[in-house]
Amino acid sequence: MKLKNIKKLQTKIKTHIRKKALLRTKARLAEKGIDINDLTKEELEIIIKDEEDKLIGEYKNKTIMALLVALGIGSF
């Protein structure tokens, strides 16, 4: 794979994670009855970053579990 293609893929993945984190942030704020417009950019960015970190962790766990299952090591 060329470096250009890898960069393009990384950008696409980051964009996907960012969009999903934003949706989760909106849902999280709605559950708490907080209007997104009441937050500063910094506060909103912190919450979105937290959701991004959670998503990345979830994706890593799923990847590891899939690898273990593929190797026949996983137990369910």
N, C-alpha and C. Protein backbone atom coordinates (compact mmCIF):
# COMPACT_ATOMS: atom_id res chain seq x y z
N MET A 1 0.84 -1.19 0.00
CA MET A 1 0.00 0.00 0.00
C MET A 1 0.88 1.25 0.00
N LYS A 2 0.52 2.19 -0.78
CA LYS A 2 1.29 3.42 -0.86
C LYS A 2 0.99 4.30 0.34
N LEU A 3 1.96 5.12 0.69
CA LEU A 3 1.83 6.04 1.82
C LEU A 3 0.63 6.96 1.64
N LYS A 4 0.39 7.38 0.42
CA LYS A 4 -0.74 8.27 0.13
C LYS A 4 -2.07 7.59 0.47
N ASN A 5 -2.18 6.32 0.11
CA ASN A 5 -3.39 5.56 0.39
C ASN A 5 -3.58 5.35 1.89
N ILE A 6 -2.49 5.12 2.59
CA ILE A 6 -2.56 4.93 4.04
C ILE A 6 -3.03 6.21 4.72
N LYS A 7 -2.49 7.33 4.30
CA LYS A 7 -2.90 8.63 4.86
C LYS A 7 -4.39 8.88 4.60
N LYS A 8 -4.82 8.55 3.40
CA LYS A 8 -6.23 8.74 3.02
C LYS A 8 -7.13 7.87 3.89
N LEU A 9 -6.72 6.63 4.13
CA LEU A 9 -7.48 5.71 4.97
C LEU A 9 -7.52 6.21 6.42
N GLN A 10 -6.39 6.68 6.92
CA GLN A 10 -6.34 7.22 8.28
C GLN A 10 -7.28 8.41 8.44
N THR A 11 -7.29 9.29 7.46
CA THR A 11 -8.17 10.45 7.49
C THR A 11 -9.63 10.02 7.48
N LYS A 12 -9.94 9.04 6.67
CA LYS A 12 -11.31 8.54 6.58
C LYS A 12 -11.75 7.93 7.91
N ILE A 13 -10.88 7.17 8.54
CA ILE A 13 -11.20 6.55 9.83
C ILE A 13 -11.38 7.62 10.91
N LYS A 14 -10.48 8.59 10.95
CA LYS A 14 -10.59 9.67 11.94
C LYS A 14 -11.89 10.45 11.77
N THR A 15 -12.26 10.70 10.53
CA THR A 15 -13.50 11.42 10.24
C THR A 15 -14.71 10.62 10.72
N HIS A 16 -14.70 9.32 10.46
CA HIS A 16 -15.79 8.45 10.89
C HIS A 16 -15.91 8.46 12.42
N ILE A 17 -14.79 8.31 13.10
CA ILE A 17 -14.79 8.30 14.56
C ILE A 17 -15.28 9.64 15.10
N ARG A 18 -14.84 10.73 14.50
CA ARG A 18 -15.24 12.07 14.93
C ARG A 18 -16.76 12.25 14.80
N LYS A 19 -17.32 11.84 13.64
CA LYS A 19 -18.76 11.98 13.43
C LYS A 19 -19.55 11.14 14.43
N LYS A 20 -19.10 9.92 14.66
CA LYS A 20 -19.79 9.05 15.60
C LYS A 20 -19.68 9.60 17.02
N ALA A 21 -18.53 10.15 17.37
CA ALA A 21 -18.34 10.75 18.70
C ALA A 21 -19.24 11.96 18.88
N LEU A 22 -19.41 12.74 17.83
CA LEU A 22 -20.29 13.91 17.89
C LEU A 22 -21.74 13.48 18.12
N LEU A 23 -22.16 12.43 17.43
CA LEU A 23 -23.52 11.91 17.62
C LEU A 23 -23.71 11.41 19.05
N ARG A 24 -22.72 10.71 19.56
CA ARG A 24 -22.80 10.22 20.94
C ARG A 24 -22.81 11.38 21.94
N THR A 25 -22.05 12.41 21.64
CA THR A 25 -22.01 13.58 22.52
C THR A 25 -23.38 14.25 22.56
N LYS A 26 -23.99 14.42 21.39
CA LYS A 26 -25.32 15.03 21.34
C LYS A 26 -26.32 14.20 22.13
N ALA A 27 -26.25 12.89 22.00
CA ALA A 27 -27.16 12.01 22.75
C ALA A 27 -26.91 12.11 24.25
N ARG A 28 -25.64 12.12 24.61
CA ARG A 28 -25.25 12.22 26.03
C ARG A 28 -25.77 13.52 26.65
N LEU A 29 -25.62 14.61 25.92
CA LEU A 29 -26.09 15.91 26.42
C LEU A 29 -27.62 15.95 26.48
N ALA A 30 -28.27 15.36 25.49
CA ALA A 30 -29.74 15.34 25.47
C ALA A 30 -30.28 14.55 26.66
N GLU A 31 -29.62 13.45 27.00
CA GLU A 31 -30.04 12.65 28.16
C GLU A 31 -29.98 13.46 29.46
N LYS A 32 -28.98 14.33 29.51
CA LYS A 32 -28.79 15.14 30.72
C LYS A 32 -29.56 16.46 30.65
N GLY A 33 -30.23 16.70 29.53
CA GLY A 33 -31.00 17.92 29.38
C GLY A 33 -30.16 19.17 29.18
N ILE A 34 -28.98 18.99 28.61
CA ILE A 34 -28.08 20.11 28.37
C ILE A 34 -28.14 20.49 26.89
N ASP A 35 -28.30 21.78 26.63
CA ASP A 35 -28.31 22.26 25.25
C ASP A 35 -26.86 22.42 24.79
N ILE A 36 -26.57 21.90 23.63
CA ILE A 36 -25.20 21.93 23.10
C ILE A 36 -24.70 23.37 22.93
N ASN A 37 -25.61 24.29 22.70
CA ASN A 37 -25.23 25.69 22.50
C ASN A 37 -24.86 26.39 23.81
N ASP A 38 -25.17 25.76 24.95
CA ASP A 38 -24.83 26.34 26.24
C ASP A 38 -23.38 26.08 26.63
N LEU A 39 -22.71 25.21 25.89
CA LEU A 39 -21.32 24.86 26.20
C LEU A 39 -20.35 25.72 25.40
N THR A 40 -19.18 25.94 25.97
CA THR A 40 -18.12 26.63 25.24
C THR A 40 -17.50 25.63 24.26
N LYS A 41 -16.73 26.13 23.30
CA LYS A 41 -16.06 25.25 22.35
C LYS A 41 -15.11 24.30 23.06
N GLU A 42 -14.45 24.80 24.10
CA GLU A 42 -13.50 23.99 24.84
C GLU A 42 -14.21 22.85 25.59
N GLU A 43 -15.34 23.17 26.23
CA GLU A 43 -16.10 22.15 26.95
C GLU A 43 -16.62 21.09 25.99
N LEU A 44 -17.13 21.53 24.86
CA LEU A 44 -17.66 20.60 23.86
C LEU A 44 -16.54 19.72 23.31
N GLU A 45 -15.40 20.30 23.06
CA GLU A 45 -14.26 19.55 22.53
C GLU A 45 -13.81 18.48 23.53
N ILE A 46 -13.82 18.79 24.81
CA ILE A 46 -13.44 17.81 25.83
C ILE A 46 -14.39 16.62 25.83
N ILE A 47 -15.68 16.91 25.73
CA ILE A 47 -16.68 15.84 25.74
C ILE A 47 -16.55 14.98 24.47
N ILE A 48 -16.36 15.63 23.34
CA ILE A 48 -16.21 14.89 22.08
C ILE A 48 -14.95 14.03 22.12
N LYS A 49 -13.86 14.58 22.62
CA LYS A 49 -12.60 13.83 22.73
C LYS A 49 -12.78 12.61 23.63
N ASP A 50 -13.53 12.76 24.71
CA ASP A 50 -13.81 11.64 25.60
C ASP A 50 -14.57 10.54 24.85
N GLU A 51 -15.55 10.92 24.04
CA GLU A 51 -16.30 9.95 23.26
C GLU A 51 -15.42 9.29 22.19
N GLU A 52 -14.53 10.07 21.59
CA GLU A 52 -13.60 9.51 20.60
C GLU A 52 -12.72 8.45 21.26
N ASP A 53 -12.21 8.75 22.45
CA ASP A 53 -11.36 7.80 23.17
C ASP A 53 -12.12 6.53 23.50
N LYS A 54 -13.37 6.66 23.90
CA LYS A 54 -14.20 5.49 24.19
C LYS A 54 -14.40 4.64 22.93
N LEU A 55 -14.68 5.30 21.82
CA LEU A 55 -14.88 4.59 20.55
C LEU A 55 -13.62 3.83 20.13
N ILE A 56 -12.49 4.50 20.22
CA ILE A 56 -11.22 3.87 19.84
C ILE A 56 -10.97 2.64 20.72
N GLY A 57 -11.25 2.77 22.01
CA GLY A 57 -11.10 1.64 22.92
C GLY A 57 -12.03 0.49 22.55
N GLU A 58 -13.27 0.81 22.21
CA GLU A 58 -14.23 -0.21 21.80
C GLU A 58 -13.75 -0.92 20.52
N TYR A 59 -13.27 -0.14 19.55
CA TYR A 59 -12.80 -0.73 18.30
C TYR A 59 -11.59 -1.63 18.55
N LYS A 60 -10.70 -1.21 19.43
CA LYS A 60 -9.53 -2.03 19.76
C LYS A 60 -9.95 -3.34 20.40
N ASN A 61 -10.88 -3.28 21.34
CA ASN A 61 -11.35 -4.49 22.00
C ASN A 61 -12.01 -5.45 21.01
N LYS A 62 -12.81 -4.90 20.11
CA LYS A 62 -13.47 -5.75 19.11
C LYS A 62 -12.45 -6.39 18.18
N THR A 63 -11.42 -5.63 17.82
CA THR A 63 -10.38 -6.14 16.94
C THR A 63 -9.63 -7.27 17.62
N ILE A 64 -9.29 -7.09 18.88
CA ILE A 64 -8.56 -8.11 19.63
C ILE A 64 -9.42 -9.37 19.76
N MET A 65 -10.71 -9.18 20.08
CA MET A 65 -11.60 -10.34 20.21
C MET A 65 -11.73 -11.08 18.88
N ALA A 66 -11.84 -10.36 17.79
CA ALA A 66 -11.94 -11.00 16.48
C ALA A 66 -10.67 -11.78 16.17
N LEU A 67 -9.53 -11.23 16.52
CA LEU A 67 -8.26 -11.92 16.30
C LEU A 67 -8.19 -13.19 17.14
N LEU A 68 -8.60 -13.10 18.41
CA LEU A 68 -8.58 -14.28 19.27
C LEU A 68 -9.52 -15.37 18.75
N VAL A 69 -10.68 -14.97 18.30
CA VAL A 69 -11.63 -15.93 17.74
C VAL A 69 -11.05 -16.57 16.49
N ALA A 70 -10.44 -15.77 15.65
CA ALA A 70 -9.85 -16.29 14.41
C ALA A 70 -8.73 -17.30 14.72
N LEU A 71 -8.03 -17.07 15.82
CA LEU A 71 -6.96 -17.98 16.21
C LEU A 71 -7.48 -19.14 17.05
N GLY A 72 -8.76 -19.12 17.38
CA GLY A 72 -9.33 -20.19 18.17
C GLY A 72 -9.03 -20.11 19.64
N ILE A 73 -8.64 -18.92 20.10
CA ILE A 73 -8.25 -18.72 21.50
C ILE A 73 -9.40 -18.15 22.31
N GLY A 74 -10.30 -17.42 21.68
CA GLY A 74 -11.38 -16.74 22.38
C GLY A 74 -12.34 -17.73 23.05
N SER A 75 -12.85 -17.34 24.18
CA SER A 75 -13.83 -18.17 24.87
C SER A 75 -15.11 -17.37 25.07
N PHE A 76 -16.22 -18.00 24.75
CA PHE A 76 -17.48 -17.30 24.86
C PHE A 76 -18.40 -18.06 25.76
